[in-house]
C-alpha cells in the first residue's frame, strides 16, 4: 500500500517513513503543499498523513482537495492542541487527528487501524466486526483490541466471532457449544466453554469483577 506523508519537518517525515517502511508500506514524502497536490493528482494512495502547518498550503486545504475526489483515510498532524483545530479537521473530512509530539509507533497503529476500517467501504469483500475498540476480521481471521493484536486459538476465535455477530444478544451455552464445537451439548460441556471464555478474557485483559466485553448471563449463556 502507498501512503502520502506531507510534513515540512524533514526529521519527522524521515522517521515516520522509516517506521512505515518497516511495516511494508511504500511512503511518498513531501515538504510542501504544492508538491503534495501534484502527487495527489497523479498517484493512487491508500492513506494520507497531512501536517496542518505547511509553508504554503495548509493541511486543511489539502484534505479538502483530497475529499473532492478520493475517499481514502486522512490523518492530520499538528503541533497545536486546540480543540477547534481537531473539529475543523474532522469536519472537512479527516478520519483521525494526532498532536505532536507523538510516538511513531502510535502513528503506525493509527495508520493500520484506518486502513483496516477502509476496507469495509472498498470493493474488497471483507467483513470486519467492531465492538467498542474490538475488531475481528472474518476473512483474515485476526483480532485487534485497541489497536493491539490478540493471538487467539481457532476455538477462541470462533467463540468471539459468534458473540460479536450476536452483539447485545444472549447466546445460550448449548447453542454456543453446538455452533463452535459442532457436537451435542452435555452438562459437562459448560465447563469446557467456561475454560475457553476465561482464556479469552485473560488475553483481552478483561478479568476484573465487571467485564467490559464478554458478560456471563448466569444460568443462560454469554453475550457481548
Protein backbone atom coordinates (compact mmCIF):
# COMPACT_ATOMS: atom_id res chain seq x y z
CA UNK A 1 0.00 0.00 0.00
CA UNK A 2 1.22 3.50 -0.84
CA UNK A 3 0.98 6.28 1.75
CA UNK A 4 1.38 10.04 1.26
CA UNK A 5 3.29 11.87 4.02
CA UNK A 6 3.16 15.68 3.87
CA UNK A 7 5.38 17.19 6.57
CA UNK A 8 7.76 20.16 6.33
CA UNK A 9 9.98 18.96 9.20
CA UNK A 10 12.33 16.57 7.43
CA UNK A 11 13.40 14.78 10.60
CA UNK A 12 9.80 13.88 11.47
CA UNK A 13 8.99 12.90 7.89
CA UNK A 14 12.00 10.59 7.60
CA UNK A 15 11.33 8.99 10.99
CA UNK A 16 7.69 8.22 10.19
CA UNK A 17 8.63 6.93 6.73
CA UNK A 18 11.24 4.65 8.32
CA UNK A 19 8.67 3.07 10.66
CA UNK A 20 6.06 2.70 7.92
CA UNK A 21 8.61 1.17 5.53
CA UNK A 22 9.36 -1.42 8.20
CA UNK A 23 5.66 -2.36 8.08
CA UNK A 24 5.93 -2.87 4.30
CA UNK A 25 4.18 0.35 3.34
CA UNK A 26 5.54 2.47 0.48
CA UNK A 27 5.78 6.13 1.50
CA UNK A 28 5.88 9.26 -0.67
CA UNK A 29 7.14 12.25 1.34
CA UNK A 30 6.50 15.92 0.54
CA UNK A 31 7.74 19.04 2.34
CA UNK A 32 5.13 21.45 0.97
CA UNK A 33 1.57 21.59 -0.27
CA UNK A 34 2.29 22.29 -3.93
CA UNK A 35 4.39 19.14 -4.31
CA UNK A 36 1.68 17.20 -2.48
CA UNK A 37 -1.03 18.47 -4.83
CA UNK A 38 0.89 17.14 -7.82
CA UNK A 39 1.33 13.73 -6.21
CA UNK A 40 -2.32 13.58 -5.16
CA UNK A 41 -3.37 14.19 -8.76
CA UNK A 42 -1.13 11.54 -10.30
CA UNK A 43 -0.86 8.79 -7.67
CA UNK A 44 -3.36 6.37 -6.15
CA UNK A 45 -2.81 6.32 -2.39
CA UNK A 46 -4.26 4.11 0.33
CA UNK A 47 -3.91 6.79 3.03
CA UNK A 48 -2.58 10.34 3.54
CA UNK A 49 -0.86 11.87 6.58
CA UNK A 50 -1.07 15.68 6.44
CA UNK A 51 0.66 18.23 8.63
CA UNK A 52 -1.69 21.15 9.29
CA UNK A 53 1.03 23.84 9.30
CA UNK A 54 2.85 23.85 5.95
CA UNK A 55 4.89 26.69 4.37
CA UNK A 56 2.44 27.26 1.50
CA UNK A 57 -0.86 25.36 1.59
CA UNK A 58 -2.38 24.21 4.88
CA UNK A 59 -3.11 20.59 5.58
CA UNK A 60 -6.78 21.52 5.83
CA UNK A 61 -6.75 22.71 2.22
CA UNK A 62 -5.00 19.53 1.09
CA UNK A 63 -7.62 17.47 2.91
CA UNK A 64 -10.40 19.37 1.14
CA UNK A 65 -8.73 18.72 -2.21
CA UNK A 66 -8.42 15.00 -1.47
CA UNK A 67 -12.07 14.77 -0.44
CA UNK A 68 -13.21 16.30 -3.74
CA UNK A 69 -12.21 13.08 -5.49
CA UNK A 70 -10.95 10.41 -3.08
CA UNK A 71 -12.30 8.53 -0.06
CA UNK A 72 -9.09 7.05 1.34
CA UNK A 73 -8.33 7.79 5.03
CA UNK A 74 -6.65 11.05 6.05
CA UNK A 75 -4.76 11.53 9.32
CA UNK A 76 -3.97 15.12 10.36
CA UNK A 77 -0.72 16.02 12.16
CA UNK A 78 -0.27 19.25 14.09
CA UNK A 79 1.74 20.83 16.85
CA UNK A 80 -1.38 22.57 18.11
CA UNK A 81 -3.53 21.06 20.81
CA UNK A 82 -6.54 23.31 20.41
CA UNK A 83 -9.90 21.58 20.20
CA UNK A 84 -11.03 23.86 17.35
CA UNK A 85 -8.28 22.51 15.06
CA UNK A 86 -9.40 18.95 15.70
CA UNK A 87 -13.02 19.87 15.00
CA UNK A 88 -12.02 21.67 11.80
CA UNK A 89 -10.02 18.69 10.54
CA UNK A 90 -12.74 16.17 11.24
CA UNK A 91 -15.41 18.44 9.76
CA UNK A 92 -13.67 18.78 6.40
CA UNK A 93 -13.20 15.03 6.07
CA UNK A 94 -10.19 13.90 8.12
CA UNK A 95 -10.52 10.47 9.71
CA UNK A 96 -8.08 10.87 12.61
CA UNK A 97 -6.02 13.54 14.31
CA UNK A 98 -2.74 13.26 16.22
CA UNK A 99 -0.90 16.03 18.06
CA UNK A 100 2.87 16.49 18.10
CA UNK A 101 4.98 15.33 19.77
CA UNK A 102 3.81 11.76 19.17
CA UNK A 103 5.33 8.30 19.32
CA UNK A 104 6.00 6.86 15.84
CA UNK A 105 4.55 3.50 16.88
CA UNK A 106 1.31 5.22 17.89
CA UNK A 107 1.02 6.77 14.43
CA UNK A 108 1.76 3.40 12.80
CA UNK A 109 -1.00 1.81 14.89
CA UNK A 110 -3.46 4.51 13.80
CA UNK A 111 -2.46 4.04 10.16
CA UNK A 112 -3.13 0.30 10.43
CA UNK A 113 -6.48 0.91 12.11
CA UNK A 114 -7.63 3.35 9.43
CA UNK A 115 -6.57 1.01 6.62
CA UNK A 116 -8.42 -1.91 8.22
CA UNK A 117 -11.59 0.15 8.52
CA UNK A 118 -11.27 1.50 5.00
CA UNK A 119 -11.54 -2.00 3.53
CA UNK A 120 -15.13 -2.16 4.78
CA UNK A 121 -16.05 0.55 2.24
CA UNK A 122 -13.83 -0.54 -0.65
CA UNK A 123 -14.53 -3.08 -3.35
CA UNK A 124 -12.83 -5.76 -1.27
CA UNK A 125 -15.41 -8.18 0.09
CA UNK A 126 -14.28 -8.29 3.70
CA UNK A 127 -16.36 -8.33 6.83
CA UNK A 128 -14.96 -6.70 9.94
CA UNK A 129 -16.95 -6.92 13.17
CA UNK A 130 -16.40 -3.97 15.51
CA UNK A 131 -17.45 -3.58 19.15
CA UNK A 132 -16.01 -0.58 21.10
CA UNK A 133 -12.33 -0.98 20.28
CA UNK A 134 -12.57 -4.69 19.48
CA UNK A 135 -12.16 -5.54 15.77
CA UNK A 136 -12.48 -9.03 14.28
CA UNK A 137 -11.69 -9.64 10.61
CA UNK A 138 -13.57 -12.75 9.48
CA UNK A 139 -11.61 -13.25 6.25
CA UNK A 140 -8.12 -12.67 7.64
CA UNK A 141 -9.04 -14.32 10.97
CA UNK A 142 -7.30 -11.72 13.08
CA UNK A 143 -8.49 -9.75 16.10
CA UNK A 144 -7.37 -6.36 17.40
CA UNK A 145 -8.26 -4.77 20.73
CA UNK A 146 -7.47 -1.06 20.98
CA UNK A 147 -5.01 -1.44 18.06
CA UNK A 148 -3.16 -4.37 19.72
CA UNK A 149 -3.42 -7.76 18.01
CA UNK A 150 -4.80 -10.68 20.04
CA UNK A 151 -3.45 -14.10 19.19
CA UNK A 152 -6.37 -16.50 19.60
CA UNK A 153 -6.77 -20.22 19.09
CA UNK A 154 -9.26 -21.31 16.40
CA UNK A 155 -11.85 -22.14 19.08
CA UNK A 156 -11.37 -18.82 20.85
CA UNK A 157 -11.73 -17.00 17.53
CA UNK A 158 -14.95 -18.88 16.74
CA UNK A 159 -16.42 -18.12 20.17
CA UNK A 160 -15.62 -14.42 19.88
CA UNK A 161 -16.91 -14.26 16.30
CA UNK A 162 -20.27 -15.79 17.27
CA UNK A 163 -20.69 -13.45 20.22
CA UNK A 164 -19.78 -10.38 18.15
CA UNK A 165 -22.18 -11.42 15.39
CA UNK A 166 -24.92 -11.58 18.05
CA UNK A 167 -23.92 -8.32 19.74
CA UNK A 168 -26.24 -7.41 22.67
CA UNK A 169 -27.95 -10.82 22.37
CA UNK A 170 -27.53 -13.65 24.85
CA UNK A 171 -26.12 -16.80 23.27
CA UNK A 172 -27.02 -19.85 25.32
CA UNK A 173 -24.25 -22.23 26.39
CA UNK A 174 -25.95 -25.02 24.46
CA UNK A 175 -26.11 -23.02 21.23
CA UNK A 176 -22.55 -21.80 21.69
CA UNK A 177 -21.23 -25.34 22.11
CA UNK A 178 -23.17 -26.68 19.12
CA UNK A 179 -22.07 -23.80 16.85
CA UNK A 180 -18.39 -23.75 17.82
CA UNK A 181 -17.63 -27.38 18.63
CA UNK A 182 -20.21 -28.88 16.29
CA UNK A 183 -21.10 -31.54 18.84
CA UNK A 184 -24.07 -32.46 21.03
CA UNK A 185 -24.27 -30.47 24.24
CA UNK A 186 -23.99 -32.24 27.59
CA UNK A 187 -24.00 -30.80 31.12
CA UNK A 188 -20.21 -31.02 31.45
CA UNK A 189 -19.82 -29.21 28.13
CA UNK A 190 -20.41 -25.97 30.03
CA UNK A 191 -17.10 -26.48 31.87
CA UNK A 192 -15.32 -26.60 28.51
CA UNK A 193 -16.97 -23.34 27.45
CA UNK A 194 -16.08 -21.66 30.75
CA UNK A 195 -12.40 -22.54 30.36
CA UNK A 196 -12.24 -21.05 26.87
CA UNK A 197 -14.16 -17.93 27.94
CA UNK A 198 -11.69 -17.46 30.80
CA UNK A 199 -8.74 -17.75 28.40
CA UNK A 200 -10.36 -15.21 26.07
CA UNK A 201 -10.87 -12.75 28.91
CA UNK A 202 -7.26 -13.16 30.02
CA UNK A 203 -5.98 -12.37 26.53
CA UNK A 204 -8.29 -9.35 26.41
CA UNK A 205 -7.09 -8.22 29.87
CA UNK A 206 -10.73 -8.26 30.94
CA UNK A 207 -10.53 -10.29 34.13
CA UNK A 208 -11.97 -7.82 36.64
CA UNK A 209 -15.21 -8.29 38.54
CA UNK A 210 -17.12 -6.25 35.97
CA UNK A 211 -16.27 -7.47 32.47
CA UNK A 212 -16.05 -4.88 29.68
CA UNK A 213 -16.70 -7.31 26.84
CA UNK A 214 -17.81 -10.91 27.36
CA UNK A 215 -20.52 -10.93 30.01
CA UNK A 216 -21.89 -14.01 31.74
CA UNK A 217 -25.66 -14.31 31.93
CA UNK A 218 -25.97 -16.81 34.76
CA UNK A 219 -28.00 -19.90 34.01
CA UNK A 220 -28.29 -18.96 30.32
CA UNK A 221 -25.04 -18.21 28.49
CA UNK A 222 -22.90 -15.28 27.34
CA UNK A 223 -23.13 -12.01 25.44
CA UNK A 224 -21.06 -9.04 24.23
